[in-house]
Protein backbone atom coordinates (compact mmCIF):
# COMPACT_ATOMS: atom_id res chain seq x y z
CA MET A 1 127.95 60.01 123.76
CA TYR A 2 125.48 57.66 125.40
CA PHE A 3 122.35 59.33 126.78
CA SER A 4 122.94 57.47 130.05
CA ILE A 5 126.00 59.71 130.63
CA VAL A 6 123.85 62.81 130.14
CA ALA A 7 121.22 61.42 132.53
CA ASP A 8 123.92 60.80 135.15
CA TYR A 9 124.92 64.48 134.94
CA PHE A 10 121.25 65.50 135.19
CA GLN A 11 121.08 63.46 138.40
CA ARG A 12 124.19 65.11 139.84
CA ILE A 13 122.99 68.59 138.88
CA GLU A 14 119.61 67.91 140.46
CA ALA A 15 121.32 66.84 143.68
CA THR A 16 123.32 70.06 144.14
CA SER A 17 122.05 73.41 145.36
CA SER A 18 125.30 75.27 144.66
CA ARG A 19 125.08 77.48 141.59
CA LEU A 20 128.84 77.25 141.07
CA ASP A 21 128.85 73.44 141.33
CA MET A 22 126.00 73.30 138.80
CA THR A 23 128.05 75.46 136.45
CA TYR A 24 131.09 73.19 136.78
CA LEU A 25 129.00 70.09 136.11
CA LEU A 26 127.38 71.68 133.06
CA ALA A 27 130.78 72.74 131.72
CA GLU A 28 132.15 69.24 132.25
CA LEU A 29 129.19 67.62 130.48
CA LEU A 30 129.24 69.98 127.50
CA GLY A 31 133.00 69.67 127.25
CA GLN A 32 132.64 65.94 126.50
CA ALA A 33 129.99 66.45 123.81
CA THR A 34 130.40 66.88 120.07
CA ALA A 35 129.04 70.08 118.51
CA GLN A 36 125.79 68.36 117.51
CA GLU A 37 125.44 66.71 120.92
CA ALA A 38 126.11 70.03 122.69
CA GLU A 39 123.29 71.63 120.69
CA ILE A 40 120.86 68.87 121.70
CA ILE A 41 122.00 68.68 125.32
CA SER A 42 121.78 72.47 125.82
CA ASN A 43 118.10 72.38 124.90
CA LEU A 44 117.39 69.22 126.89
CA LEU A 45 118.97 70.79 129.98
CA LEU A 46 116.26 73.46 129.81
CA GLY A 47 113.56 70.78 129.46
CA GLN A 48 112.92 71.34 125.77
CA LEU A 49 113.61 69.46 122.56
CA ARG A 50 114.07 72.67 120.60
CA PRO A 51 114.51 76.35 121.45
CA PRO A 52 111.37 78.20 122.63
CA TYR A 53 110.92 80.07 119.34
CA VAL A 54 110.47 76.72 117.58
CA GLY A 55 108.60 75.08 120.46
CA THR A 56 108.23 71.61 121.94
CA GLN A 57 104.77 70.05 122.18
CA PHE A 58 104.61 66.32 122.87
CA ASN A 59 100.88 66.42 123.68
CA ILE A 60 101.19 63.33 125.88
CA ALA A 61 99.07 63.56 129.02
CA SER A 62 100.21 62.13 132.35
CA LYS A 63 97.36 59.60 132.04
CA ASN A 64 98.92 58.22 128.85
CA LEU A 65 102.38 58.21 130.40
CA THR A 66 100.96 56.21 133.30
CA ARG A 67 99.84 53.58 130.78
CA VAL A 68 103.26 53.62 129.10
CA ILE A 69 105.08 53.10 132.41
CA ALA A 70 102.68 50.30 133.40
CA VAL A 71 103.42 48.45 130.15
CA LEU A 72 107.16 49.09 130.51
CA ARG A 73 107.26 47.77 134.09
CA GLY A 74 104.89 44.88 133.38
CA GLU A 75 102.34 45.93 135.97
CA SER A 76 98.74 47.08 135.99
CA GLU A 77 97.81 50.68 135.39
CA PHE A 78 96.29 50.70 138.88
CA GLN A 79 99.65 49.74 140.42
CA THR A 80 101.43 52.51 138.54
CA LYS A 81 98.79 55.02 139.67
CA GLU A 82 99.29 53.91 143.28
CA LYS A 83 103.04 54.47 143.02
CA MET A 84 102.40 57.86 141.44
CA GLN A 85 100.19 58.83 144.37
CA GLN A 86 102.91 57.74 146.80
CA LEU A 87 105.83 59.46 145.03
CA GLY A 88 104.01 62.37 143.37
CA ASP A 89 106.18 62.22 140.23
CA LEU A 90 105.98 59.84 137.28
CA GLY A 91 109.70 60.40 136.79
CA LEU A 92 110.37 58.88 140.22
CA VAL A 93 108.00 56.01 139.45
CA VAL A 94 109.91 55.02 136.32
CA ALA A 95 113.24 55.64 138.11
CA SER A 96 112.50 52.63 140.33
CA GLY A 97 113.13 50.39 137.30
CA GLY A 98 111.46 47.04 136.85
CA TRP A 99 112.27 46.13 133.24
CA GLY A 100 115.16 44.54 131.42
CA VAL A 101 117.11 47.25 129.58
CA LYS A 102 117.68 46.13 125.99
CA GLY A 103 120.75 48.25 125.31
CA GLN A 104 122.01 51.84 125.23
CA LEU A 105 121.08 54.74 122.97
CA SER A 106 123.21 57.72 122.03
CA VAL A 107 122.13 61.32 122.62
CA LEU A 108 121.36 61.66 118.91
CA GLU A 109 119.28 58.45 118.87
CA VAL A 110 117.21 59.61 121.86
CA TYR A 111 116.70 63.00 120.22
CA ASN A 112 115.61 61.45 116.92
CA ARG A 113 113.15 59.12 118.63
CA LEU A 114 111.67 61.98 120.69
CA ASP A 115 111.43 64.03 117.50
CA ILE A 116 109.44 61.23 115.82
CA ILE A 117 107.17 60.84 118.85
CA GLU A 118 106.44 64.58 118.93
CA SER A 119 105.63 64.64 115.20
CA ILE A 120 102.91 61.94 115.40
CA HIS A 121 99.44 63.44 114.91
CA GLY A 122 95.97 62.46 113.74
CA VAL A 123 93.68 59.50 114.27
CA GLY A 124 95.26 56.80 116.41
CA SER A 125 98.21 59.04 117.27
CA SER A 126 97.85 58.46 121.01
CA ASP A 127 98.36 54.70 120.74
CA ASP A 128 101.18 55.18 118.24
CA LYS A 129 102.97 57.62 120.55
CA ASN A 130 102.55 55.26 123.49
CA SER A 131 104.05 52.29 121.66
CA GLN A 132 106.95 54.38 120.33
CA LEU A 133 107.64 55.69 123.81
CA VAL A 134 107.61 52.21 125.37
CA GLU A 135 110.13 51.14 122.73
CA LEU A 136 112.34 54.15 123.52
CA LEU A 137 112.26 53.59 127.28
CA GLU A 138 113.10 49.88 126.88
CA TYR A 139 116.54 51.03 125.74
CA CYS A 140 116.98 53.38 128.71
CA GLY A 141 118.02 52.64 132.24
CA PRO A 142 115.81 53.89 135.09
CA ILE A 143 117.69 57.21 135.54
CA ALA A 144 117.64 58.03 131.82
CA ALA A 145 113.95 57.06 131.68
CA LYS A 146 113.20 59.40 134.60
CA TYR A 147 114.51 62.43 132.73
CA ILE A 148 112.90 61.50 129.43
CA VAL A 149 109.52 61.24 131.18
CA ARG A 150 110.04 64.64 132.84
CA ILE A 151 111.05 66.26 129.54
CA ILE A 152 107.91 64.89 127.87
CA LEU A 153 105.74 66.21 130.70
CA GLY A 154 107.51 69.59 130.64
CA LYS A 155 108.67 69.06 134.23
CA LEU A 156 112.44 68.65 134.05
CA ARG A 157 113.24 71.88 135.94
CA LEU A 158 116.81 71.33 137.09
CA GLY A 159 116.81 74.73 138.78
CA PHE A 160 118.78 77.01 136.47
CA SER A 161 118.18 79.14 133.39
CA ASP A 162 119.87 79.86 130.08
CA MET A 163 122.14 82.42 131.78
CA THR A 164 123.72 79.69 133.92
CA LEU A 165 124.30 77.73 130.71
CA ILE A 166 126.09 80.77 129.25
CA ASP A 167 128.37 80.76 132.31
CA ALA A 168 128.98 77.02 131.86
CA LEU A 169 129.94 77.44 128.20
CA SER A 170 132.50 80.05 129.21
CA TRP A 171 133.94 77.71 131.85
CA MET A 172 134.02 74.91 129.29
CA HIS A 173 135.87 77.06 126.74
CA LYS A 174 138.16 79.22 128.89
CA GLY A 175 138.18 77.63 132.34
CA ASP A 176 136.60 80.76 133.85
CA LYS A 177 133.85 83.35 133.17
CA SER A 178 136.03 85.56 130.96
CA PHE A 179 134.17 84.60 127.76
CA LYS A 180 130.72 85.11 129.25
CA ASN A 181 130.15 88.59 127.77
CA ALA A 182 130.97 87.48 124.23
CA LEU A 183 128.69 84.44 124.56
CA GLU A 184 125.88 86.54 126.02
CA HIS A 185 126.20 89.08 123.20
CA ALA A 186 125.94 86.30 120.59
CA TYR A 187 122.95 84.84 122.46
CA ASN A 188 121.27 88.25 122.63
CA MET A 189 121.47 88.49 118.83
CA CYS A 190 120.50 84.84 118.18
CA ALA A 191 118.32 83.58 121.03
CA ASP A 192 119.05 79.89 120.44
CA ILE A 193 121.17 78.40 123.22
CA GLY A 194 121.72 75.19 121.26
CA LEU A 195 123.07 77.14 118.29
CA ILE A 196 125.43 79.06 120.59
CA ALA A 197 126.78 75.82 122.09
CA LYS A 198 127.17 74.21 118.67
CA THR A 199 128.93 77.25 117.20
CA LEU A 200 131.34 77.43 120.13
CA LYS A 201 132.22 73.74 119.80
CA GLU A 202 132.66 73.96 116.02
CA THR A 203 134.46 77.27 115.54
CA GLY A 204 135.50 78.46 119.00
CA THR A 205 136.09 82.10 119.92
CA GLU A 206 136.10 83.36 116.32
CA GLY A 207 132.79 81.67 115.52
CA ILE A 208 131.03 83.25 118.50
CA GLU A 209 132.45 86.70 117.83
CA ALA A 210 131.41 86.42 114.17
CA MET A 211 127.78 85.54 114.94
CA ARG A 212 125.25 87.85 113.34
CA VAL A 213 121.51 88.39 113.36
CA ARG A 214 119.51 85.78 111.45
CA VAL A 215 116.00 86.42 110.16
CA GLY A 216 113.78 83.76 111.72
CA ILE A 217 115.72 83.53 115.01
CA PRO A 218 114.48 86.08 117.55
CA ILE A 219 116.69 88.80 119.00
CA ARG A 220 116.41 89.15 122.78
CA PRO A 221 114.51 92.41 123.22
CA ALA A 222 115.84 95.57 124.84
CA ALA A 223 114.03 96.78 127.95
CA ALA A 224 113.35 100.12 129.62
CA GLU A 225 114.16 101.46 133.08
CA ARG A 226 111.81 103.63 135.16
CA LEU A 227 111.93 107.13 136.57
CA PRO A 228 109.30 108.86 138.74
CA THR A 229 108.59 112.14 136.94
CA ALA A 230 108.80 113.80 133.57
CA GLN A 231 111.44 116.19 134.91
CA ALA A 232 113.55 113.29 136.23
CA VAL A 233 113.49 111.73 132.75
CA VAL A 234 114.64 114.93 131.05
CA ASP A 235 117.30 115.45 133.73
CA LYS A 236 118.60 111.96 132.97
CA LEU A 237 118.40 112.02 129.15
CA GLY A 238 118.55 115.68 128.19
CA HIS A 239 116.90 116.28 124.82
CA CYS A 240 114.96 113.10 124.07
CA VAL A 241 112.14 111.56 122.06
CA ALA A 242 108.91 110.17 123.48
CA GLN A 243 106.57 107.53 122.09
CA PRO A 244 103.10 106.55 123.39
CA LYS A 245 103.17 103.41 125.57
CA LEU A 246 100.47 101.08 124.29
CA ASP A 247 99.00 98.33 126.48
CA GLY A 248 99.21 95.50 123.95
CA PHE A 249 101.40 92.60 122.80
CA ARG A 250 105.00 93.55 122.18
CA LEU A 251 105.94 91.73 118.98
CA GLN A 252 109.21 91.15 117.15
CA ILE A 253 108.29 90.77 113.48
CA HIS A 254 110.49 88.78 111.06
CA LEU A 255 109.83 88.88 107.32
CA ASP A 256 111.93 87.11 104.69
CA LYS A 257 110.98 87.27 101.01
CA SER A 258 113.98 85.35 99.66
CA SER A 259 111.81 82.35 98.70
CA ASP A 260 108.63 82.12 96.63
CA LYS A 261 106.43 82.26 99.72
CA PRO A 262 107.30 84.99 102.26
CA GLU A 263 108.35 83.65 105.67
CA ILE A 264 106.68 85.70 108.41
CA ARG A 265 107.07 85.18 112.15
CA PHE A 266 105.69 87.09 115.14
CA PHE A 267 107.67 86.49 118.35
CA SER A 268 106.42 87.56 121.76
CA ARG A 269 108.68 89.34 124.23
CA ASN A 270 109.47 85.93 125.75
CA LEU A 271 110.55 84.71 122.28
CA ILE A 272 107.62 82.36 121.66
CA ASP A 273 106.33 82.10 118.08
CA MET A 274 102.82 83.59 118.26
CA SER A 275 102.24 83.67 114.49
CA HIS A 276 99.04 81.61 114.74
CA MET A 277 97.41 84.50 116.61
CA PHE A 278 97.86 87.03 113.83
CA PRO A 279 96.74 85.86 110.37
CA ASP A 280 95.42 89.37 109.67
CA LEU A 281 98.76 90.93 110.57
CA THR A 282 100.55 88.28 108.49
CA ALA A 283 98.74 89.41 105.36
CA ALA A 284 99.50 93.06 106.07
CA VAL A 285 103.19 92.52 106.90
CA ALA A 286 103.69 90.50 103.71
CA GLU A 287 103.01 93.70 101.74
CA LEU A 288 106.00 95.56 103.22
CA PRO A 289 108.31 96.72 100.37
CA VAL A 290 111.48 94.97 101.62
CA LYS A 291 113.56 91.84 100.94
CA ASN A 292 113.83 91.04 104.62
CA ILE A 293 113.23 92.90 107.85
CA ILE A 294 113.19 92.52 111.63
CA CYS A 295 111.20 95.20 113.42
CA GLU A 296 109.44 95.66 116.73
CA GLY A 297 105.94 96.86 117.37
CA GLU A 298 102.98 96.76 119.70
CA ALA A 299 99.87 94.88 118.57
CA ILE A 300 96.73 96.20 120.16
CA VAL A 301 92.98 95.91 119.64
CA TYR A 302 91.58 99.06 118.06
CA ASP A 303 87.90 99.96 117.99
CA PRO A 304 87.27 101.81 114.69
CA ASN A 305 83.88 103.00 115.97
CA THR A 306 85.15 104.80 119.07
CA LYS A 307 88.65 105.30 117.63
CA LEU A 308 90.04 104.07 120.95
CA PHE A 309 92.46 101.31 121.92
CA LEU A 310 91.06 98.54 124.09
CA PRO A 311 92.78 97.25 127.27
CA PHE A 312 95.33 94.44 127.27
CA GLN A 313 92.79 91.90 128.55
CA GLU A 314 90.90 92.30 125.25
CA THR A 315 94.07 91.98 123.18
CA VAL A 316 95.11 88.84 125.06
CA LYS A 317 91.98 87.05 123.83
CA ARG A 318 93.94 86.58 120.60
CA LYS A 319 95.95 83.95 122.51
CA ARG A 320 93.37 81.31 121.62
CA LYS A 321 94.24 78.97 118.75
CA HIS A 322 90.71 78.10 117.62
CA ASP A 323 88.00 80.21 115.97
CA ILE A 324 90.64 82.84 115.24
CA GLU A 325 88.64 84.21 112.28
CA GLU A 326 85.73 84.99 114.59
CA VAL A 327 88.07 86.64 117.11
CA MET A 328 89.65 88.71 114.32
CA GLU A 329 86.26 90.24 113.51
CA GLU A 330 85.43 90.97 117.12
CA PHE A 331 88.92 92.18 118.08
CA PRO A 332 90.59 93.77 115.01
CA LEU A 333 94.26 94.49 115.55
CA ARG A 334 96.66 97.18 114.57
CA VAL A 335 100.40 96.97 115.01
CA TYR A 336 102.40 100.10 115.72
CA LEU A 337 106.07 99.75 114.81
CA PHE A 338 108.49 101.47 117.17
CA ASP A 339 111.92 100.15 116.12
CA LEU A 340 113.81 98.70 113.18
CA LEU A 341 116.56 96.17 113.96
CA TYR A 342 117.46 94.65 110.59
CA LEU A 343 116.77 95.60 106.99
CA ASN A 344 117.68 93.97 103.68
CA GLY A 345 120.59 91.93 105.01
CA LYS A 346 122.03 94.53 107.40
CA SER A 347 121.77 94.83 111.17
CA LEU A 348 120.72 98.34 112.23
CA MET A 349 121.21 97.75 115.95
CA PRO A 350 124.56 99.61 116.01
CA GLU A 351 122.85 102.68 114.45
CA THR A 352 121.37 105.46 116.58
CA HIS A 353 117.67 105.55 117.37
CA MET A 354 117.16 108.50 115.02
CA MET A 355 118.90 106.68 112.15
CA ARG A 356 116.81 103.55 112.71
CA ARG A 357 113.60 105.55 112.80
CA GLU A 358 114.53 107.43 109.66
CA GLN A 359 114.99 104.14 107.79
CA LEU A 360 111.75 102.73 109.26
CA LEU A 361 109.83 105.77 108.01
CA ALA A 362 111.46 105.36 104.59
CA VAL A 363 110.28 101.74 104.42
CA MET A 364 106.73 102.80 105.30
CA GLU A 365 106.64 105.76 102.90
CA ASP A 366 105.25 103.69 100.00
CA TYR A 367 103.19 101.36 102.22
CA HIS A 368 99.51 102.11 102.63
CA ASN A 369 97.73 99.77 105.02
CA ASP A 370 96.26 101.05 108.26
CA THR A 371 96.86 97.67 109.93
CA VAL A 372 100.61 98.40 110.20
CA GLN A 373 101.73 101.90 111.18
CA VAL A 374 104.73 103.64 112.68
CA ILE A 375 104.12 104.86 116.21
CA ASP A 376 104.06 108.60 116.83
CA GLU A 377 107.15 110.24 118.26
CA ARG A 378 107.69 113.69 119.70
CA PHE A 379 110.97 115.51 120.26
CA ILE A 380 111.24 116.77 123.84
CA THR A 381 113.50 119.46 125.27
CA THR A 382 111.97 120.26 128.69
CA GLY A 383 110.26 118.51 131.59
CA ASN A 384 107.09 120.53 131.00
CA GLU A 385 106.90 119.44 127.36
CA LEU A 386 107.24 115.80 128.43
CA LEU A 387 104.65 116.21 131.19
CA HIS A 388 102.11 117.73 128.78
CA TYR A 389 102.69 114.95 126.25
CA PHE A 390 102.35 112.38 129.03
CA GLN A 391 99.03 113.87 130.17
CA GLU A 392 97.83 113.95 126.57
CA ASN A 393 98.42 110.21 126.24
CA ILE A 394 96.89 109.40 129.62
CA SER A 395 93.77 111.32 128.56
CA ALA A 396 93.62 109.15 125.44
CA GLY A 397 93.48 106.04 127.68
CA LEU A 398 97.07 104.93 127.14
CA GLU A 399 99.56 103.70 129.77
CA GLY A 400 102.01 106.55 129.43
CA LEU A 401 105.22 107.06 127.45
CA VAL A 402 108.46 105.36 126.54
CA VAL A 403 111.15 108.02 126.38
CA LYS A 404 114.32 107.33 124.42
CA ARG A 405 117.80 108.74 124.01
CA PRO A 406 118.00 109.89 120.35
CA ASP A 407 121.62 108.77 119.91
CA SER A 408 121.18 105.38 121.62
CA VAL A 409 122.02 102.13 119.85
CA TYR A 410 119.74 99.10 120.27
CA THR A 411 121.05 96.91 123.10
CA PRO A 412 119.50 93.43 122.78
CA GLY A 413 118.79 91.59 126.01
CA LYS A 414 119.67 94.60 128.17
CA ARG A 415 117.71 96.92 130.44
CA ASN A 416 119.21 100.40 130.71
CA PHE A 417 118.45 104.12 130.68
CA ASN A 418 118.54 104.41 126.89
CA TRP A 419 114.79 103.78 127.22
CA ILE A 420 112.75 104.98 130.21
CA LYS A 421 109.14 104.14 131.01
CA LEU A 422 106.96 106.93 132.34
CA LYS A 423 103.70 105.34 133.40
CA ARG A 424 100.47 106.44 135.01
CA GLU A 425 101.56 104.96 138.36
CA GLU A 426 104.88 106.80 138.39
CA GLU A 427 103.28 110.22 137.75
CA GLY A 428 100.24 109.68 139.92
CA HIS A 429 100.03 107.45 142.95
CA LEU A 430 102.17 105.45 145.35
CA ASP A 431 100.57 102.22 144.21
CA ASP A 432 102.24 100.48 141.30
CA THR A 433 101.87 97.51 139.01
CA ILE A 434 104.50 94.82 139.49
CA ASP A 435 104.90 91.82 137.19
CA CYS A 436 105.43 88.96 139.64
CA VAL A 437 106.14 85.25 139.25
CA ILE A 438 103.78 82.81 140.98
CA LEU A 439 105.84 80.55 143.27
CA GLY A 440 103.23 78.51 145.15
CA TYR A 441 99.89 78.61 146.94
CA TYR A 442 98.34 78.09 150.37
CA PHE A 443 95.27 75.99 151.12
CA GLY A 444 92.14 78.02 151.76
CA GLU A 445 90.07 78.41 154.90
CA GLY A 446 86.37 79.09 155.26
CA LYS A 447 84.75 79.61 151.86
CA ARG A 448 88.07 79.27 150.06
CA ALA A 449 88.59 75.79 151.51
CA ASP A 450 86.16 74.66 148.79
CA PHE A 451 88.51 76.14 146.17
CA GLY A 452 91.56 74.40 147.62
CA ILE A 453 93.44 77.70 147.50
CA GLY A 454 93.21 80.77 149.71
CA ALA A 455 96.37 82.77 148.96
CA PHE A 456 99.45 82.55 146.79
CA LEU A 457 103.11 83.49 147.00
CA VAL A 458 104.79 85.65 144.36
CA GLY A 459 108.34 86.76 143.72
CA VAL A 460 110.58 88.82 141.46
CA TYR A 461 113.67 87.82 139.50
CA ASN A 462 117.22 88.45 140.70
CA SER A 463 119.31 88.34 137.53
CA GLU A 464 122.62 88.46 139.42
CA ASN A 465 122.16 85.04 140.98
CA ASP A 466 119.52 83.61 138.60
CA MET A 467 117.03 83.22 141.47
CA PHE A 468 113.41 84.14 142.20
CA GLU A 469 112.96 85.96 145.50
CA THR A 470 109.68 86.35 147.39
CA ILE A 471 107.97 89.73 147.64
CA ALA A 472 104.30 89.19 148.55
CA LYS A 473 101.67 86.77 149.80
CA VAL A 474 98.51 87.66 147.86
CA GLY A 475 94.93 86.99 148.92
CA THR A 476 92.82 89.71 147.30
CA GLY A 477 91.78 90.83 143.85
CA LEU A 478 90.24 87.55 142.69
CA LYS A 479 86.60 86.51 142.37
CA ASP A 480 85.46 82.94 143.03
CA ASP A 481 86.00 81.83 139.43
CA ASP A 482 89.41 83.53 139.42
CA TRP A 483 90.50 81.44 142.42
CA ARG A 484 89.42 78.24 140.67
CA GLU A 485 91.25 79.27 137.50
CA LEU A 486 94.40 80.16 139.45
CA LYS A 487 94.41 76.74 141.13
CA ARG A 488 93.92 75.03 137.78
CA ILE A 489 96.89 76.95 136.30
CA CYS A 490 99.06 76.21 139.34
CA ASP A 491 98.19 72.51 139.47
CA GLN A 492 99.53 72.09 135.92
CA ILE A 493 103.00 73.11 137.12
CA VAL A 494 103.10 71.64 140.65
CA LEU A 495 106.50 70.71 142.08
CA TYR A 496 107.08 68.28 144.92
CA GLY A 497 109.56 70.37 146.84
CA GLN A 498 111.04 73.86 146.79
CA PRO A 499 112.65 74.79 143.45
CA LYS A 500 116.39 75.36 143.73
CA ASN A 501 116.08 78.71 141.97
CA VAL A 502 113.58 80.07 144.53
CA SER A 503 114.73 81.80 147.73
CA CYS A 504 112.04 81.67 150.43
CA ALA A 505 112.04 82.08 154.21
CA LYS A 506 110.65 79.13 156.18
CA GLU A 507 107.85 81.36 157.52
CA LEU A 508 106.48 81.77 153.99
CA VAL A 509 106.83 78.25 152.60
CA PRO A 510 103.58 77.55 150.68
CA ASP A 511 101.50 74.39 151.01
CA VAL A 512 102.08 73.72 147.32
CA TRP A 513 105.14 74.74 145.31
CA VAL A 514 104.84 75.45 141.60
CA SER A 515 107.43 75.88 138.89
CA PRO A 516 108.36 79.60 138.67
CA GLU A 517 107.08 80.30 135.18
CA LYS A 518 103.66 82.03 135.31
CA VAL A 519 103.63 85.84 135.49
CA CYS A 520 100.81 87.90 136.99
CA MET A 521 100.22 91.60 137.59
CA ILE A 522 100.11 92.75 141.21
CA ARG A 523 99.13 96.22 142.33
CA ALA A 524 100.30 97.43 145.74
CA ASP A 525 100.00 100.57 147.82
CA GLU A 526 103.72 100.78 148.48
CA ILE A 527 106.97 98.87 148.81
CA THR A 528 107.97 98.16 152.39
CA LEU A 529 111.01 96.59 154.05
CA SER A 530 110.51 93.06 155.34
CA PRO A 531 112.50 90.75 157.65
CA VAL A 532 111.08 87.64 155.94
CA HIS A 533 110.68 88.34 152.23
CA THR A 534 113.87 87.61 150.30
CA ALA A 535 113.67 90.14 147.44
CA ASN A 536 116.96 92.09 147.70
CA LYS A 537 117.56 90.71 151.21
CA THR A 538 121.18 90.49 152.37
CA GLU A 539 122.95 90.13 155.70
CA ASP A 540 122.79 93.88 156.24
CA HIS A 541 119.64 94.77 154.24
CA LEU A 542 116.00 93.85 154.84
CA GLY A 543 114.05 92.44 151.92
CA PHE A 544 111.35 94.20 149.91
CA ALA A 545 107.65 93.43 150.32
CA LEU A 546 104.46 94.78 148.76
CA ARG A 547 101.92 96.43 151.08
CA PHE A 548 98.29 95.45 150.38
CA PRO A 549 99.02 93.47 147.21
CA ARG A 550 96.08 92.80 144.84
CA PHE A 551 95.91 90.46 141.87
CA MET A 552 95.21 92.34 138.61
CA GLY A 553 95.51 89.63 135.94
CA TYR A 554 98.05 87.50 134.07
CA ARG A 555 100.85 88.38 131.67
CA PHE A 556 100.85 85.33 129.43
CA ASP A 557 103.11 87.17 126.98
CA LYS A 558 105.94 87.35 129.53
CA SER A 559 108.32 84.66 130.70
CA ALA A 560 109.39 84.50 134.33
CA LYS A 561 112.68 86.24 133.56
CA ASP A 562 110.73 89.09 131.91
CA ALA A 563 109.00 89.78 135.22
CA THR A 564 109.94 92.76 137.37
CA THR A 565 113.51 92.36 138.57
CA VAL A 566 115.08 93.01 141.96
CA ASP A 567 117.01 95.89 140.38
CA GLU A 568 113.73 97.46 139.24
CA MET A 569 112.32 97.05 142.76
CA LYS A 570 115.35 98.90 144.16
CA HIS A 571 114.68 101.72 141.74
CA LEU A 572 110.95 101.82 142.49
CA PHE A 573 111.75 101.92 146.21
CA GLU A 574 114.08 104.88 145.62
CA ILE A 575 111.29 106.61 143.68
CA GLN A 576 108.91 106.03 146.57
CA VAL A 577 111.38 107.39 149.15
CA THR A 578 111.97 110.48 146.99
CA ARG A 579 108.23 111.14 146.79
CA SER A 580 107.79 110.58 150.52
CA ASN A 581 110.59 113.03 151.37
CA ALA A 582 109.15 115.61 148.97
CA ALA A 583 105.76 115.33 150.63
């Protein structure tokens, strides 16, 4: 398949706002592709060369792309910059054409050339990348060039997520959504959308249903629901087990000792490979007495002097890629394992929680390294027992508890009442911490006019329609430097128009839209009903809004879809109403 055909579909998808029409177009495109092409196209549709757990880093700045486009169009760099200022998008600049197209490239040829460009490093790499990119674009028409430029800049953003692609693959295969659940189950076990598309094209229904966990490919993590009180949790679960809720990095750890050198990967909850952050944990995990394993744990900074855990903002400093040895000394980590998903060639996800824990404890029985430990767990039979254990953990400076059904299987990619979070906010006050997605910002007035930002718009994720819906306009909780940093972060992901996967009332439209991908923590006094905010808003239901929202920090370990969902907001609102009625 020529890449120009793919680019034409990109153009048609970009032009539609209908989720169903997008799905049909995606199904049509993928239906024409070979298995290998479907794998490539599925990733390109999400603006990436490879799945997130592998990563895509072209390291080509917009300044360099401006030079490339100037050379391609045979004009001065100044002229290209002028057009960029007029159009606001280098993709639109190159889409205006201005060069003689030398021929056509296939999807595979474009992928291979992009792969080569991404792999160029070292002295002189910038010039080498530029020349290779000019050569690539000379074989692309203006529309194809537009999308290649946007992919390189990380700004493709066609307005849908991997879940819409799952729908499209079902339509492609069955002509309806009847195969969606099987595809989603396979994707939950192997979070590689390209692999799912390729497998479906190669081996059809049987291939998808036969997909199994693979060490080295992340499993989409299970998630917990919320309830307001210890008694409510016990009423819901009956006899249960409770584990301390640590305020650290949730990690999915993959270890494979089948080759001479152990392969070890640490994936964040948003399935990004964070292995570079944890060389100390790598050494400790390599000592585990197994052939291969996939387990989950919480990595957190531990102060051996005070014997206390430090807050998340200290743990997140491990995100840096340089001077990691120095950071390791200042912020030593421990990882507390809380689940076992795969062991020595066998998936344990269909086993009960108690069976999985028993096998995890057996693995750790002959392992003696304080860096990796199994998290404590207490069997609970009454609300009072759970409340006392909760208070014990709060006194120790922890967030609360995660309470689990002892007979529950592990459900990858799902949020349900097998696990329930009981946090400080739920037991204590009406205010709560919400993980929100930044959607745009408003220009400042007065002192904030100097910052260029005075407030910002945030939303939550509606998984039913794959949309982000507004819930608050935030203007407090940031110091002067925080405002400057927020603007810097936002300006890296600016969009020139409202994203198609964002629902926003005209009264709240920000001065600057950004791609919905950065997650921040917002604390609010309560959830209110709003005629303008779109979170959970329907024809006969007002939307949700946050009263007195305050910025509390970022969650760089979470993707936008890992943010608080509309369903969670419904539940939190019910909790709030219950408390209010009780008072």
